[in-house]
N, C-alpha and C. Protein backbone atom coordinates (compact mmCIF):
# COMPACT_ATOMS: atom_id res chain seq x y z
N UNK A 1 39.47 -90.50 -5.26
CA UNK A 1 39.22 -91.12 -3.99
C UNK A 1 38.67 -92.52 -4.23
N UNK A 2 39.11 -93.45 -3.43
CA UNK A 2 38.66 -94.83 -3.53
C UNK A 2 37.31 -94.98 -2.83
N UNK A 3 36.54 -95.94 -3.29
CA UNK A 3 35.25 -96.20 -2.68
C UNK A 3 35.30 -97.51 -1.90
N UNK A 4 34.29 -97.75 -1.10
CA UNK A 4 34.21 -98.95 -0.27
C UNK A 4 34.25 -100.21 -1.13
N UNK A 5 35.03 -101.18 -0.69
CA UNK A 5 35.06 -102.49 -1.35
C UNK A 5 34.94 -103.57 -0.27
N UNK A 6 34.44 -104.74 -0.64
CA UNK A 6 34.32 -105.84 0.32
C UNK A 6 35.69 -106.34 0.80
N UNK A 7 35.67 -107.02 1.94
CA UNK A 7 36.91 -107.52 2.54
C UNK A 7 37.70 -108.43 1.61
N UNK A 8 37.02 -109.28 0.85
CA UNK A 8 37.77 -110.19 -0.01
C UNK A 8 38.58 -109.43 -1.06
N UNK A 9 38.09 -108.28 -1.49
CA UNK A 9 38.87 -107.47 -2.43
C UNK A 9 40.03 -106.75 -1.72
N UNK A 10 39.82 -106.36 -0.47
CA UNK A 10 40.91 -105.75 0.30
C UNK A 10 42.03 -106.77 0.50
N UNK A 11 41.67 -108.02 0.73
CA UNK A 11 42.67 -109.07 0.89
C UNK A 11 43.46 -109.26 -0.40
N UNK A 12 42.75 -109.28 -1.53
CA UNK A 12 43.43 -109.41 -2.82
C UNK A 12 44.32 -108.21 -3.11
N UNK A 13 43.83 -107.02 -2.78
CA UNK A 13 44.62 -105.81 -2.97
C UNK A 13 45.88 -105.86 -2.11
N UNK A 14 45.74 -106.33 -0.89
CA UNK A 14 46.88 -106.47 0.00
C UNK A 14 47.89 -107.48 -0.55
N UNK A 15 47.40 -108.57 -1.10
CA UNK A 15 48.27 -109.58 -1.70
C UNK A 15 49.04 -109.00 -2.88
N UNK A 16 48.35 -108.27 -3.74
CA UNK A 16 49.00 -107.63 -4.88
C UNK A 16 50.03 -106.60 -4.41
N UNK A 17 49.65 -105.81 -3.39
CA UNK A 17 50.55 -104.77 -2.90
C UNK A 17 51.80 -105.37 -2.27
N UNK A 18 51.65 -106.48 -1.54
CA UNK A 18 52.81 -107.09 -0.90
C UNK A 18 53.84 -107.57 -1.93
N UNK A 19 53.38 -107.90 -3.11
CA UNK A 19 54.30 -108.38 -4.16
C UNK A 19 54.80 -107.25 -5.06
N UNK A 20 53.91 -106.35 -5.48
CA UNK A 20 54.25 -105.36 -6.51
C UNK A 20 54.34 -103.92 -6.01
N UNK A 21 53.87 -103.65 -4.81
CA UNK A 21 53.84 -102.29 -4.28
C UNK A 21 53.18 -101.37 -5.32
N UNK A 22 53.90 -100.36 -5.80
CA UNK A 22 53.33 -99.44 -6.78
C UNK A 22 53.87 -99.70 -8.19
N UNK A 23 54.52 -100.84 -8.39
CA UNK A 23 55.05 -101.20 -9.70
C UNK A 23 53.94 -101.80 -10.57
N UNK A 24 54.13 -101.73 -11.87
CA UNK A 24 53.15 -102.32 -12.79
C UNK A 24 53.21 -103.84 -12.76
N UNK A 25 52.06 -104.43 -13.01
CA UNK A 25 51.98 -105.87 -13.15
C UNK A 25 50.97 -106.19 -14.23
N UNK A 26 51.08 -107.39 -14.79
CA UNK A 26 50.18 -107.79 -15.87
C UNK A 26 49.02 -108.60 -15.31
N UNK A 27 48.05 -108.86 -16.15
CA UNK A 27 46.95 -109.72 -15.76
C UNK A 27 47.47 -111.09 -15.37
N UNK A 28 48.42 -111.60 -16.15
CA UNK A 28 48.99 -112.93 -15.86
C UNK A 28 49.65 -112.95 -14.49
N UNK A 29 50.34 -111.86 -14.13
CA UNK A 29 50.94 -111.78 -12.79
C UNK A 29 49.87 -111.88 -11.71
N UNK A 30 48.78 -111.14 -11.88
CA UNK A 30 47.68 -111.16 -10.90
C UNK A 30 47.02 -112.53 -10.87
N UNK A 31 46.81 -113.11 -12.03
CA UNK A 31 46.19 -114.43 -12.14
C UNK A 31 47.01 -115.47 -11.38
N UNK A 32 48.32 -115.46 -11.57
CA UNK A 32 49.19 -116.41 -10.88
C UNK A 32 49.22 -116.18 -9.37
N UNK A 33 49.23 -114.92 -8.96
CA UNK A 33 49.35 -114.59 -7.54
C UNK A 33 48.06 -114.83 -6.76
N UNK A 34 46.92 -114.49 -7.36
CA UNK A 34 45.65 -114.57 -6.63
C UNK A 34 45.04 -115.98 -6.63
N UNK A 35 45.55 -116.86 -7.44
CA UNK A 35 45.09 -118.26 -7.48
C UNK A 35 43.57 -118.37 -7.68
N UNK A 36 43.03 -117.55 -8.53
CA UNK A 36 41.62 -117.63 -8.92
C UNK A 36 41.55 -118.06 -10.37
N UNK A 37 40.36 -118.41 -10.82
CA UNK A 37 40.25 -118.73 -12.24
C UNK A 37 40.31 -117.45 -13.06
N UNK A 38 40.42 -117.62 -14.37
CA UNK A 38 40.63 -116.49 -15.28
C UNK A 38 39.52 -115.44 -15.17
N UNK A 39 38.28 -115.88 -15.24
CA UNK A 39 37.15 -114.95 -15.22
C UNK A 39 37.05 -114.22 -13.88
N UNK A 40 37.25 -114.96 -12.78
CA UNK A 40 37.13 -114.36 -11.45
C UNK A 40 38.24 -113.33 -11.22
N UNK A 41 39.45 -113.64 -11.68
CA UNK A 41 40.55 -112.68 -11.57
C UNK A 41 40.22 -111.42 -12.36
N UNK A 42 39.66 -111.57 -13.54
CA UNK A 42 39.27 -110.44 -14.36
C UNK A 42 38.22 -109.58 -13.65
N UNK A 43 37.25 -110.22 -13.03
CA UNK A 43 36.21 -109.50 -12.29
C UNK A 43 36.79 -108.75 -11.10
N UNK A 44 37.70 -109.38 -10.39
CA UNK A 44 38.33 -108.74 -9.23
C UNK A 44 39.09 -107.48 -9.66
N UNK A 45 39.90 -107.61 -10.71
CA UNK A 45 40.68 -106.46 -11.18
C UNK A 45 39.76 -105.35 -11.67
N UNK A 46 38.69 -105.71 -12.32
CA UNK A 46 37.73 -104.72 -12.80
C UNK A 46 37.09 -103.98 -11.63
N UNK A 47 36.70 -104.69 -10.59
CA UNK A 47 36.09 -104.05 -9.41
C UNK A 47 37.09 -103.15 -8.69
N UNK A 48 38.34 -103.60 -8.59
CA UNK A 48 39.36 -102.77 -7.96
C UNK A 48 39.62 -101.50 -8.77
N UNK A 49 39.57 -101.62 -10.09
CA UNK A 49 39.74 -100.44 -10.95
C UNK A 49 38.58 -99.48 -10.81
N UNK A 50 37.36 -100.00 -10.87
CA UNK A 50 36.17 -99.15 -10.75
C UNK A 50 36.09 -98.47 -9.39
N UNK A 51 36.65 -99.11 -8.37
CA UNK A 51 36.64 -98.55 -7.02
C UNK A 51 37.75 -97.53 -6.80
N UNK A 52 38.68 -97.45 -7.74
CA UNK A 52 39.75 -96.45 -7.65
C UNK A 52 41.02 -96.94 -6.98
N UNK A 53 41.12 -98.22 -6.68
CA UNK A 53 42.31 -98.74 -6.01
C UNK A 53 43.44 -99.08 -6.98
N UNK A 54 43.11 -99.43 -8.21
CA UNK A 54 44.14 -99.71 -9.20
C UNK A 54 43.80 -98.97 -10.49
N UNK A 55 44.81 -98.78 -11.32
CA UNK A 55 44.58 -98.20 -12.64
C UNK A 55 45.10 -99.18 -13.68
N UNK A 56 44.60 -99.00 -14.89
CA UNK A 56 44.93 -99.93 -15.98
C UNK A 56 45.33 -99.12 -17.20
N UNK A 57 46.32 -99.64 -17.93
CA UNK A 57 46.67 -99.03 -19.21
C UNK A 57 46.90 -100.14 -20.22
N UNK A 58 46.69 -99.81 -21.46
CA UNK A 58 46.82 -100.77 -22.55
C UNK A 58 48.23 -100.73 -23.10
N UNK A 59 48.75 -101.88 -23.47
CA UNK A 59 50.05 -101.97 -24.10
C UNK A 59 49.94 -101.38 -25.51
N UNK A 60 50.74 -100.36 -25.84
CA UNK A 60 50.63 -99.74 -27.16
C UNK A 60 50.98 -100.69 -28.31
N UNK A 61 51.81 -101.68 -28.05
CA UNK A 61 52.21 -102.60 -29.12
C UNK A 61 51.27 -103.79 -29.26
N UNK A 62 50.48 -104.08 -28.23
CA UNK A 62 49.54 -105.20 -28.28
C UNK A 62 48.29 -104.81 -27.50
N UNK A 63 47.25 -104.44 -28.20
CA UNK A 63 46.02 -103.93 -27.59
C UNK A 63 45.33 -104.90 -26.66
N UNK A 64 45.69 -106.18 -26.73
CA UNK A 64 45.07 -107.17 -25.85
C UNK A 64 45.71 -107.20 -24.47
N UNK A 65 46.92 -106.72 -24.37
CA UNK A 65 47.67 -106.79 -23.12
C UNK A 65 47.41 -105.54 -22.27
N UNK A 66 47.19 -105.76 -20.99
CA UNK A 66 46.92 -104.67 -20.05
C UNK A 66 47.98 -104.66 -18.94
N UNK A 67 48.32 -103.47 -18.50
CA UNK A 67 49.20 -103.29 -17.36
C UNK A 67 48.41 -102.64 -16.25
N UNK A 68 48.58 -103.13 -15.04
CA UNK A 68 47.87 -102.62 -13.87
C UNK A 68 48.89 -102.04 -12.90
N UNK A 69 48.40 -101.10 -12.09
CA UNK A 69 49.23 -100.49 -11.06
C UNK A 69 48.33 -100.09 -9.90
N UNK A 70 48.78 -100.36 -8.69
CA UNK A 70 48.03 -99.94 -7.51
C UNK A 70 48.21 -98.44 -7.36
N UNK A 71 47.10 -97.74 -7.19
CA UNK A 71 47.14 -96.29 -7.05
C UNK A 71 47.69 -95.91 -5.68
N UNK A 72 48.41 -94.82 -5.64
CA UNK A 72 48.94 -94.30 -4.39
C UNK A 72 47.83 -93.49 -3.72
N UNK A 73 47.15 -94.12 -2.75
CA UNK A 73 46.01 -93.50 -2.11
C UNK A 73 46.36 -93.06 -0.70
N UNK A 74 45.66 -92.07 -0.24
CA UNK A 74 45.82 -91.57 1.11
C UNK A 74 45.13 -92.54 2.07
N UNK A 75 45.85 -93.05 3.05
CA UNK A 75 45.31 -94.01 4.00
C UNK A 75 44.10 -93.46 4.75
N UNK A 76 44.11 -92.18 5.06
CA UNK A 76 42.97 -91.57 5.76
C UNK A 76 41.71 -91.65 4.92
N UNK A 77 41.83 -91.44 3.61
CA UNK A 77 40.67 -91.55 2.73
C UNK A 77 40.12 -92.97 2.71
N UNK A 78 41.03 -93.95 2.67
CA UNK A 78 40.60 -95.34 2.66
C UNK A 78 39.87 -95.67 3.96
N UNK A 79 40.40 -95.23 5.09
CA UNK A 79 39.76 -95.51 6.37
C UNK A 79 38.38 -94.86 6.46
N UNK A 80 38.23 -93.66 5.92
CA UNK A 80 36.91 -93.01 5.90
C UNK A 80 35.94 -93.82 5.06
N UNK A 81 36.41 -94.30 3.89
CA UNK A 81 35.56 -95.09 3.01
C UNK A 81 35.17 -96.41 3.66
N UNK A 82 36.11 -97.04 4.35
CA UNK A 82 35.80 -98.28 5.06
C UNK A 82 34.79 -98.01 6.15
N UNK A 83 34.97 -96.92 6.87
CA UNK A 83 34.02 -96.54 7.91
C UNK A 83 32.64 -96.26 7.38
N UNK A 84 32.54 -95.70 6.19
CA UNK A 84 31.24 -95.44 5.57
C UNK A 84 30.52 -96.71 5.20
N UNK A 85 31.26 -97.79 5.02
CA UNK A 85 30.64 -99.05 4.63
C UNK A 85 30.18 -99.89 5.82
N UNK A 86 30.51 -99.44 7.03
CA UNK A 86 30.13 -100.18 8.24
C UNK A 86 28.80 -99.65 8.76
N UNK A 87 27.89 -100.55 9.02
CA UNK A 87 26.61 -100.16 9.60
C UNK A 87 26.74 -100.07 11.11
N UNK A 88 26.59 -98.89 11.65
CA UNK A 88 26.68 -98.67 13.10
C UNK A 88 25.28 -98.45 13.61
N UNK A 89 24.90 -99.20 14.64
CA UNK A 89 23.54 -99.06 15.20
C UNK A 89 23.61 -98.48 16.58
């Protein structure tokens, strides 16, 4: 299950999804698409992975290269998580 993430990460996730859907992409692909600097792109992908929205695997032939994929999540679970992050008074 995915956990709550800030809106700026949802926007980045949406941008990645609009281009790659559930196909694999590399760090360089994300870097080019998100138009952030190297370190910030790395932080974004790390947060999306820790939150359960994307998964990462290492290239067996080159340990430095990573492949990312957006996880196929249930929309109802995401909406519940987003709702849990909203403060209702």
